[in-house]
Amino acid sequence: MASSSANTLQFEDVSGHVNPAEWKKDVIHDRVVAICLDSSEESTKAFYWALSNFFKHSSDSIKNKLILLSDTEGNKMRLEAYVKSQMEKARLTIGTDTPLRGILLKGDPRVQICDAVDSLEVDVIVVGTRGLGAVKRAVMGSVSDYISKHSSCPCVIVK
């Protein structure tokens, strides 16, 4: 289990072996894309949108890196299996040359995602939206809305 002490970020890296050299930040030639997953239809749509728009058409001069983020609310084993299955799907789409990590976040997903963006030096975060109405969003809170307002990097919300 990998943990970070930056901010309040607590996470588990389910990627297996991570080569630290692959994750050193090159601000000119690297782009770190994070996709938020929760096994919903909306997050799955965001997943495939990000793969199509950031990875299939990336130029040779930019080396993309992919991080799949999920929270551990609910059944942790099921979510870990889901993230690993999405990692396999990503591998089939983007190939084996792209650095890829799967991260399970612990705690409030809104805060943990924003902390992960900072700690993992993410350049853009992609999230799905459930399309809550104004009243439900005000009462329940929207993860995508929170991230768009509090994240330190650009946020793409996929409808």
N, C-alpha and C. Protein backbone atom coordinates (compact mmCIF):
# COMPACT_ATOMS: atom_id res chain seq x y z
N MET A 1 0.84 -1.18 0.00
CA MET A 1 0.00 0.00 0.00
C MET A 1 0.88 1.24 0.00
N ALA A 2 0.62 2.12 -0.92
CA ALA A 2 1.36 3.38 -0.98
C ALA A 2 0.50 4.46 -0.38
N SER A 3 1.10 5.30 0.42
CA SER A 3 0.37 6.41 1.02
C SER A 3 1.13 7.69 0.78
N SER A 4 0.40 8.76 0.76
CA SER A 4 1.01 10.06 0.59
C SER A 4 0.73 10.90 1.81
N SER A 5 1.71 11.69 2.22
CA SER A 5 1.51 12.56 3.36
C SER A 5 1.16 13.98 2.93
N ALA A 6 1.23 14.27 1.63
CA ALA A 6 0.88 15.60 1.14
C ALA A 6 -0.61 15.83 1.39
N ASN A 7 -0.92 17.02 1.90
CA ASN A 7 -2.30 17.35 2.24
C ASN A 7 -2.89 16.25 3.11
N THR A 8 -4.07 15.79 2.77
CA THR A 8 -4.70 14.72 3.53
C THR A 8 -4.89 13.48 2.67
N LEU A 9 -4.16 13.39 1.59
CA LEU A 9 -4.35 12.31 0.63
C LEU A 9 -3.98 10.96 1.24
N GLN A 10 -4.91 10.04 1.14
CA GLN A 10 -4.67 8.66 1.55
C GLN A 10 -5.13 7.79 0.39
N PHE A 11 -4.22 6.90 -0.06
CA PHE A 11 -4.59 6.08 -1.20
C PHE A 11 -3.85 4.75 -1.17
N GLU A 12 -4.36 3.85 -2.00
CA GLU A 12 -3.72 2.57 -2.24
C GLU A 12 -3.50 2.44 -3.74
N ASP A 13 -2.26 2.16 -4.13
CA ASP A 13 -1.93 1.99 -5.53
C ASP A 13 -2.11 0.52 -5.88
N VAL A 14 -3.04 0.21 -6.77
CA VAL A 14 -3.34 -1.18 -7.14
C VAL A 14 -2.70 -1.55 -8.47
N SER A 15 -1.70 -0.78 -8.88
CA SER A 15 -1.07 -0.98 -10.18
C SER A 15 -0.08 -2.13 -10.22
N GLY A 16 0.30 -2.64 -9.07
CA GLY A 16 1.40 -3.58 -9.05
C GLY A 16 2.69 -2.79 -8.97
N HIS A 17 3.68 -3.17 -9.73
CA HIS A 17 4.96 -2.47 -9.71
C HIS A 17 4.86 -1.15 -10.48
N VAL A 18 5.29 -0.07 -9.84
CA VAL A 18 5.32 1.25 -10.49
C VAL A 18 6.77 1.67 -10.59
N ASN A 19 7.21 1.97 -11.81
CA ASN A 19 8.57 2.44 -12.04
C ASN A 19 8.61 3.94 -11.79
N PRO A 20 9.27 4.38 -10.70
CA PRO A 20 9.29 5.83 -10.40
C PRO A 20 9.87 6.67 -11.52
N ALA A 21 10.79 6.14 -12.30
CA ALA A 21 11.39 6.90 -13.40
C ALA A 21 10.34 7.27 -14.45
N GLU A 22 9.34 6.40 -14.66
CA GLU A 22 8.28 6.68 -15.63
C GLU A 22 7.39 7.84 -15.19
N TRP A 23 7.37 8.09 -13.88
CA TRP A 23 6.45 9.09 -13.35
C TRP A 23 7.12 10.40 -12.98
N LYS A 24 8.41 10.54 -13.30
CA LYS A 24 9.06 11.84 -13.11
C LYS A 24 8.43 12.82 -14.08
N LYS A 25 8.18 14.01 -13.59
CA LYS A 25 7.45 15.01 -14.38
C LYS A 25 8.37 15.76 -15.32
N ASP A 26 8.03 15.75 -16.61
CA ASP A 26 8.68 16.57 -17.62
C ASP A 26 7.60 17.52 -18.13
N VAL A 27 7.64 18.76 -17.65
CA VAL A 27 6.55 19.68 -17.94
C VAL A 27 6.43 20.05 -19.41
N ILE A 28 7.47 19.81 -20.18
CA ILE A 28 7.43 20.12 -21.61
C ILE A 28 6.84 18.97 -22.42
N HIS A 29 7.24 17.74 -22.12
CA HIS A 29 6.89 16.60 -22.98
C HIS A 29 5.91 15.62 -22.38
N ASP A 30 5.53 15.78 -21.12
CA ASP A 30 4.63 14.82 -20.48
C ASP A 30 3.28 15.47 -20.19
N ARG A 31 2.25 14.63 -20.20
CA ARG A 31 0.92 15.07 -19.77
C ARG A 31 0.34 13.92 -18.94
N VAL A 32 -0.03 14.22 -17.70
CA VAL A 32 -0.65 13.23 -16.83
C VAL A 32 -2.15 13.47 -16.84
N VAL A 33 -2.87 12.45 -17.29
CA VAL A 33 -4.33 12.51 -17.37
C VAL A 33 -4.90 11.58 -16.31
N ALA A 34 -5.79 12.10 -15.48
CA ALA A 34 -6.47 11.27 -14.48
C ALA A 34 -7.94 11.14 -14.86
N ILE A 35 -8.45 9.93 -14.74
CA ILE A 35 -9.87 9.67 -15.01
C ILE A 35 -10.49 9.15 -13.72
N CYS A 36 -11.59 9.77 -13.31
CA CYS A 36 -12.29 9.34 -12.10
C CYS A 36 -13.29 8.24 -12.45
N LEU A 37 -13.23 7.15 -11.70
CA LEU A 37 -14.10 6.00 -11.95
C LEU A 37 -14.91 5.67 -10.70
N ASP A 38 -16.17 5.32 -10.91
CA ASP A 38 -16.99 4.83 -9.80
C ASP A 38 -17.91 3.69 -10.23
N SER A 39 -17.65 3.12 -11.37
CA SER A 39 -18.38 2.02 -12.00
C SER A 39 -19.76 2.43 -12.52
N SER A 40 -20.06 3.73 -12.52
CA SER A 40 -21.33 4.19 -13.08
C SER A 40 -21.22 4.28 -14.60
N GLU A 41 -22.37 4.35 -15.24
CA GLU A 41 -22.40 4.51 -16.69
C GLU A 41 -21.71 5.81 -17.10
N GLU A 42 -21.88 6.86 -16.29
CA GLU A 42 -21.29 8.16 -16.61
C GLU A 42 -19.77 8.13 -16.52
N SER A 43 -19.22 7.43 -15.52
CA SER A 43 -17.76 7.37 -15.41
C SER A 43 -17.18 6.48 -16.51
N THR A 44 -17.91 5.47 -16.92
CA THR A 44 -17.46 4.62 -18.02
C THR A 44 -17.42 5.43 -19.32
N LYS A 45 -18.41 6.27 -19.52
CA LYS A 45 -18.44 7.14 -20.70
C LYS A 45 -17.24 8.10 -20.68
N ALA A 46 -16.95 8.67 -19.50
CA ALA A 46 -15.80 9.57 -19.36
C ALA A 46 -14.49 8.83 -19.64
N PHE A 47 -14.40 7.58 -19.18
CA PHE A 47 -13.23 6.74 -19.39
C PHE A 47 -12.94 6.59 -20.89
N TYR A 48 -13.95 6.18 -21.65
CA TYR A 48 -13.74 5.97 -23.08
C TYR A 48 -13.54 7.28 -23.83
N TRP A 49 -14.20 8.34 -23.39
CA TRP A 49 -13.99 9.65 -24.01
C TRP A 49 -12.53 10.08 -23.84
N ALA A 50 -12.00 9.94 -22.63
CA ALA A 50 -10.62 10.35 -22.36
C ALA A 50 -9.63 9.52 -23.16
N LEU A 51 -9.85 8.22 -23.24
CA LEU A 51 -8.95 7.38 -24.02
C LEU A 51 -8.96 7.80 -25.49
N SER A 52 -10.14 8.08 -26.02
CA SER A 52 -10.24 8.48 -27.43
C SER A 52 -9.65 9.85 -27.69
N ASN A 53 -9.82 10.77 -26.76
CA ASN A 53 -9.43 12.16 -27.02
C ASN A 53 -8.04 12.53 -26.53
N PHE A 54 -7.50 11.82 -25.57
CA PHE A 54 -6.17 12.15 -25.07
C PHE A 54 -5.10 11.15 -25.50
N PHE A 55 -5.49 9.93 -25.81
CA PHE A 55 -4.48 8.90 -26.05
C PHE A 55 -4.43 8.41 -27.48
N LYS A 56 -5.54 8.19 -28.11
CA LYS A 56 -5.52 7.70 -29.48
C LYS A 56 -4.92 8.71 -30.44
N HIS A 57 -5.09 9.99 -30.15
CA HIS A 57 -4.66 11.03 -31.08
C HIS A 57 -3.51 11.87 -30.54
N SER A 58 -2.80 11.36 -29.54
CA SER A 58 -1.71 12.17 -28.98
C SER A 58 -0.52 12.15 -29.94
N SER A 59 0.19 13.25 -29.95
CA SER A 59 1.35 13.35 -30.85
C SER A 59 2.54 12.65 -30.23
N ASP A 60 3.53 12.37 -31.05
CA ASP A 60 4.74 11.72 -30.56
C ASP A 60 5.54 12.62 -29.63
N SER A 61 5.34 13.93 -29.72
CA SER A 61 6.11 14.85 -28.89
C SER A 61 5.58 14.93 -27.45
N ILE A 62 4.34 14.47 -27.23
CA ILE A 62 3.77 14.47 -25.88
C ILE A 62 3.60 13.04 -25.41
N LYS A 63 4.20 12.74 -24.26
CA LYS A 63 4.07 11.41 -23.69
C LYS A 63 2.98 11.46 -22.62
N ASN A 64 1.86 10.85 -22.92
CA ASN A 64 0.75 10.80 -21.97
C ASN A 64 0.98 9.73 -20.92
N LYS A 65 0.51 10.02 -19.73
CA LYS A 65 0.52 9.06 -18.63
C LYS A 65 -0.91 9.03 -18.09
N LEU A 66 -1.37 7.85 -17.70
CA LEU A 66 -2.77 7.70 -17.30
C LEU A 66 -2.87 7.22 -15.86
N ILE A 67 -3.72 7.90 -15.09
CA ILE A 67 -4.03 7.48 -13.73
C ILE A 67 -5.54 7.28 -13.65
N LEU A 68 -5.96 6.12 -13.18
CA LEU A 68 -7.36 5.84 -12.93
C LEU A 68 -7.60 5.98 -11.44
N LEU A 69 -8.50 6.90 -11.06
CA LEU A 69 -8.80 7.17 -9.65
C LEU A 69 -10.19 6.65 -9.31
N SER A 70 -10.29 5.99 -8.16
CA SER A 70 -11.59 5.55 -7.68
C SER A 70 -11.60 5.65 -6.16
N ASP A 71 -12.77 5.88 -5.60
CA ASP A 71 -12.84 5.90 -4.14
C ASP A 71 -13.15 4.50 -3.62
N THR A 72 -13.03 4.32 -2.32
CA THR A 72 -13.27 3.00 -1.74
C THR A 72 -14.58 2.95 -0.96
N GLU A 73 -15.48 3.90 -1.24
CA GLU A 73 -16.80 3.83 -0.60
C GLU A 73 -17.52 2.62 -1.17
N GLY A 74 -18.13 1.86 -0.30
CA GLY A 74 -18.80 0.64 -0.75
C GLY A 74 -17.86 -0.55 -0.62
N ASN A 75 -17.99 -1.48 -1.52
CA ASN A 75 -17.22 -2.72 -1.47
C ASN A 75 -15.83 -2.51 -2.08
N LYS A 76 -14.81 -2.44 -1.23
CA LYS A 76 -13.44 -2.15 -1.68
C LYS A 76 -12.94 -3.21 -2.66
N MET A 77 -13.21 -4.49 -2.38
CA MET A 77 -12.72 -5.55 -3.27
C MET A 77 -13.34 -5.42 -4.66
N ARG A 78 -14.64 -5.10 -4.71
CA ARG A 78 -15.32 -4.94 -5.99
C ARG A 78 -14.74 -3.75 -6.75
N LEU A 79 -14.50 -2.64 -6.05
CA LEU A 79 -13.95 -1.45 -6.70
C LEU A 79 -12.53 -1.68 -7.18
N GLU A 80 -11.74 -2.40 -6.39
CA GLU A 80 -10.37 -2.71 -6.81
C GLU A 80 -10.40 -3.58 -8.07
N ALA A 81 -11.27 -4.57 -8.10
CA ALA A 81 -11.40 -5.42 -9.29
C ALA A 81 -11.86 -4.59 -10.50
N TYR A 82 -12.77 -3.66 -10.26
CA TYR A 82 -13.25 -2.80 -11.34
C TYR A 82 -12.12 -1.94 -11.90
N VAL A 83 -11.33 -1.32 -11.02
CA VAL A 83 -10.22 -0.48 -11.48
C VAL A 83 -9.23 -1.32 -12.27
N LYS A 84 -8.92 -2.50 -11.79
CA LYS A 84 -7.98 -3.37 -12.50
C LYS A 84 -8.54 -3.77 -13.87
N SER A 85 -9.85 -4.02 -13.96
CA SER A 85 -10.44 -4.38 -15.26
C SER A 85 -10.38 -3.18 -16.21
N GLN A 86 -10.59 -1.97 -15.69
CA GLN A 86 -10.48 -0.78 -16.53
C GLN A 86 -9.03 -0.55 -16.96
N MET A 87 -8.09 -0.90 -16.10
CA MET A 87 -6.68 -0.80 -16.48
C MET A 87 -6.38 -1.72 -17.66
N GLU A 88 -6.94 -2.92 -17.62
CA GLU A 88 -6.74 -3.86 -18.73
C GLU A 88 -7.37 -3.33 -20.02
N LYS A 89 -8.56 -2.75 -19.91
CA LYS A 89 -9.21 -2.17 -21.09
C LYS A 89 -8.39 -1.01 -21.64
N ALA A 90 -7.84 -0.20 -20.74
CA ALA A 90 -7.00 0.92 -21.18
C ALA A 90 -5.76 0.39 -21.90
N ARG A 91 -5.14 -0.64 -21.35
CA ARG A 91 -3.95 -1.25 -21.97
C ARG A 91 -4.25 -1.69 -23.40
N LEU A 92 -5.41 -2.30 -23.60
CA LEU A 92 -5.79 -2.76 -24.94
C LEU A 92 -5.95 -1.59 -25.90
N THR A 93 -6.38 -0.45 -25.38
CA THR A 93 -6.62 0.72 -26.23
C THR A 93 -5.36 1.54 -26.46
N ILE A 94 -4.59 1.79 -25.40
CA ILE A 94 -3.46 2.71 -25.50
C ILE A 94 -2.11 2.02 -25.61
N GLY A 95 -2.09 0.71 -25.45
CA GLY A 95 -0.85 -0.03 -25.58
C GLY A 95 -0.08 -0.12 -24.27
N THR A 96 1.06 -0.78 -24.35
CA THR A 96 1.85 -1.04 -23.14
C THR A 96 2.93 0.00 -22.89
N ASP A 97 3.13 0.93 -23.82
CA ASP A 97 4.18 1.94 -23.64
C ASP A 97 3.75 3.10 -22.75
N THR A 98 2.46 3.27 -22.55
CA THR A 98 1.96 4.38 -21.75
C THR A 98 1.97 4.01 -20.28
N PRO A 99 2.64 4.80 -19.44
CA PRO A 99 2.60 4.54 -17.99
C PRO A 99 1.15 4.61 -17.49
N LEU A 100 0.77 3.67 -16.65
CA LEU A 100 -0.61 3.53 -16.19
C LEU A 100 -0.62 3.17 -14.71
N ARG A 101 -1.45 3.85 -13.95
CA ARG A 101 -1.62 3.55 -12.52
C ARG A 101 -3.10 3.48 -12.19
N GLY A 102 -3.42 2.64 -11.21
CA GLY A 102 -4.77 2.57 -10.65
C GLY A 102 -4.68 2.93 -9.18
N ILE A 103 -5.45 3.92 -8.76
CA ILE A 103 -5.37 4.43 -7.40
C ILE A 103 -6.75 4.36 -6.75
N LEU A 104 -6.81 3.73 -5.56
CA LEU A 104 -8.03 3.72 -4.75
C LEU A 104 -7.86 4.78 -3.66
N LEU A 105 -8.76 5.74 -3.62
CA LEU A 105 -8.71 6.82 -2.66
C LEU A 105 -9.53 6.48 -1.43
N LYS A 106 -9.10 6.96 -0.29
CA LYS A 106 -9.79 6.71 0.98
C LYS A 106 -10.31 8.02 1.54
N GLY A 107 -11.57 8.08 1.87
CA GLY A 107 -12.16 9.29 2.42
C GLY A 107 -13.13 9.93 1.45
N ASP A 108 -13.45 11.18 1.72
CA ASP A 108 -14.39 11.94 0.89
C ASP A 108 -13.83 12.04 -0.53
N PRO A 109 -14.50 11.45 -1.52
CA PRO A 109 -13.95 11.42 -2.88
C PRO A 109 -13.66 12.81 -3.44
N ARG A 110 -14.49 13.79 -3.13
CA ARG A 110 -14.28 15.13 -3.67
C ARG A 110 -12.93 15.69 -3.22
N VAL A 111 -12.69 15.62 -1.92
CA VAL A 111 -11.45 16.16 -1.36
C VAL A 111 -10.26 15.31 -1.79
N GLN A 112 -10.41 13.99 -1.76
CA GLN A 112 -9.31 13.09 -2.10
C GLN A 112 -8.89 13.23 -3.56
N ILE A 113 -9.85 13.42 -4.45
CA ILE A 113 -9.52 13.60 -5.86
C ILE A 113 -8.71 14.88 -6.04
N CYS A 114 -9.14 15.95 -5.42
CA CYS A 114 -8.40 17.22 -5.54
C CYS A 114 -7.00 17.10 -4.93
N ASP A 115 -6.88 16.39 -3.80
CA ASP A 115 -5.57 16.18 -3.20
C ASP A 115 -4.69 15.31 -4.11
N ALA A 116 -5.29 14.29 -4.74
CA ALA A 116 -4.54 13.41 -5.65
C ALA A 116 -4.02 14.18 -6.84
N VAL A 117 -4.82 15.10 -7.36
CA VAL A 117 -4.40 15.94 -8.49
C VAL A 117 -3.10 16.66 -8.14
N ASP A 118 -3.04 17.21 -6.94
CA ASP A 118 -1.84 17.94 -6.50
C ASP A 118 -0.67 16.99 -6.28
N SER A 119 -0.91 15.94 -5.52
CA SER A 119 0.16 15.02 -5.13
C SER A 119 0.75 14.28 -6.32
N LEU A 120 -0.09 13.90 -7.28
CA LEU A 120 0.35 13.10 -8.42
C LEU A 120 0.68 13.97 -9.64
N GLU A 121 0.64 15.28 -9.47
CA GLU A 121 0.99 16.24 -10.53
C GLU A 121 0.19 16.02 -11.81
N VAL A 122 -1.11 15.92 -11.65
CA VAL A 122 -2.02 15.69 -12.77
C VAL A 122 -2.17 16.98 -13.57
N ASP A 123 -2.19 16.85 -14.90
CA ASP A 123 -2.35 18.00 -15.79
C ASP A 123 -3.80 18.25 -16.17
N VAL A 124 -4.59 17.19 -16.26
CA VAL A 124 -6.02 17.33 -16.58
C VAL A 124 -6.75 16.15 -15.95
N ILE A 125 -7.92 16.45 -15.41
CA ILE A 125 -8.74 15.40 -14.80
C ILE A 125 -10.04 15.28 -15.57
N VAL A 126 -10.48 14.04 -15.79
CA VAL A 126 -11.70 13.78 -16.56
C VAL A 126 -12.69 13.08 -15.63
N VAL A 127 -13.90 13.63 -15.55
CA VAL A 127 -14.95 13.04 -14.71
C VAL A 127 -16.24 12.97 -15.50
N GLY A 128 -17.08 12.04 -15.12
CA GLY A 128 -18.43 11.97 -15.67
C GLY A 128 -19.36 12.76 -14.77
N THR A 129 -20.55 13.02 -15.26
CA THR A 129 -21.54 13.71 -14.44
C THR A 129 -22.84 12.93 -14.46
N ARG A 130 -23.50 12.89 -13.31
CA ARG A 130 -24.75 12.16 -13.21
C ARG A 130 -25.94 12.98 -13.68
N GLY A 131 -25.72 14.25 -13.96
CA GLY A 131 -26.81 15.09 -14.45
C GLY A 131 -27.84 15.38 -13.38
N LEU A 132 -27.39 15.60 -12.16
CA LEU A 132 -28.32 15.94 -11.08
C LEU A 132 -28.97 17.29 -11.35
N GLY A 133 -30.21 17.42 -10.94
CA GLY A 133 -30.87 18.72 -11.01
C GLY A 133 -30.29 19.65 -9.96
N ALA A 134 -30.68 20.91 -10.02
CA ALA A 134 -30.14 21.91 -9.10
C ALA A 134 -30.43 21.57 -7.64
N VAL A 135 -31.62 21.09 -7.34
CA VAL A 135 -31.98 20.79 -5.94
C VAL A 135 -31.18 19.60 -5.43
N LYS A 136 -31.14 18.50 -6.17
CA LYS A 136 -30.37 17.33 -5.74
C LYS A 136 -28.89 17.66 -5.60
N ARG A 137 -28.37 18.44 -6.54
CA ARG A 137 -26.96 18.81 -6.48
C ARG A 137 -26.68 19.63 -5.23
N ALA A 138 -27.61 20.54 -4.88
CA ALA A 138 -27.43 21.38 -3.69
C ALA A 138 -27.50 20.54 -2.42
N VAL A 139 -28.39 19.56 -2.37
CA VAL A 139 -28.56 18.73 -1.18
C VAL A 139 -27.47 17.67 -1.08
N MET A 140 -27.24 16.93 -2.15
CA MET A 140 -26.30 15.80 -2.13
C MET A 140 -24.87 16.23 -2.40
N GLY A 141 -24.70 17.29 -3.13
CA GLY A 141 -23.35 17.69 -3.54
C GLY A 141 -22.93 16.90 -4.76
N SER A 142 -22.31 17.57 -5.67
CA SER A 142 -21.86 16.94 -6.90
C SER A 142 -20.34 16.84 -6.87
N VAL A 143 -19.83 15.63 -7.08
CA VAL A 143 -18.39 15.42 -7.10
C VAL A 143 -17.77 16.21 -8.26
N SER A 144 -18.37 16.12 -9.43
CA SER A 144 -17.81 16.82 -10.59
C SER A 144 -17.84 18.34 -10.40
N ASP A 145 -18.90 18.84 -9.81
CA ASP A 145 -19.00 20.28 -9.54
C ASP A 145 -17.91 20.72 -8.56
N TYR A 146 -17.73 19.95 -7.50
CA TYR A 146 -16.70 20.26 -6.50
C TYR A 146 -15.30 20.26 -7.14
N ILE A 147 -15.01 19.22 -7.92
CA ILE A 147 -13.70 19.10 -8.56
C ILE A 147 -13.46 20.28 -9.51
N SER A 148 -14.49 20.64 -10.28
CA SER A 148 -14.31 21.75 -11.23
C SER A 148 -13.99 23.06 -10.53
N LYS A 149 -14.46 23.22 -9.30
CA LYS A 149 -14.22 24.46 -8.56
C LYS A 149 -12.96 24.43 -7.70
N HIS A 150 -12.53 23.25 -7.26
CA HIS A 150 -11.44 23.17 -6.29
C HIS A 150 -10.16 22.52 -6.81
N SER A 151 -10.20 21.92 -7.96
CA SER A 151 -9.02 21.26 -8.51
C SER A 151 -7.99 22.29 -8.97
N SER A 152 -6.72 21.95 -8.82
CA SER A 152 -5.66 22.85 -9.25
C SER A 152 -5.32 22.70 -10.73
N CYS A 153 -5.97 21.78 -11.42
CA CYS A 153 -5.73 21.58 -12.85
C CYS A 153 -7.05 21.66 -13.60
N PRO A 154 -7.01 21.79 -14.92
CA PRO A 154 -8.24 21.79 -15.69
C PRO A 154 -9.04 20.50 -15.49
N CYS A 155 -10.35 20.65 -15.51
CA CYS A 155 -11.27 19.53 -15.31
C CYS A 155 -12.19 19.43 -16.51
N VAL A 156 -12.23 18.25 -17.12
CA VAL A 156 -13.15 17.99 -18.22
C VAL A 156 -14.30 17.18 -17.67
N ILE A 157 -15.51 17.71 -17.80
CA ILE A 157 -16.70 17.00 -17.33
C ILE A 157 -17.40 16.45 -18.56
N VAL A 158 -17.50 15.12 -18.60
CA VAL A 158 -18.10 14.45 -19.76
C VAL A 158 -19.57 14.16 -19.46
N LYS A 159 -20.45 14.64 -20.34
CA LYS A 159 -21.89 14.41 -20.17
C LYS A 159 -22.29 13.14 -20.87
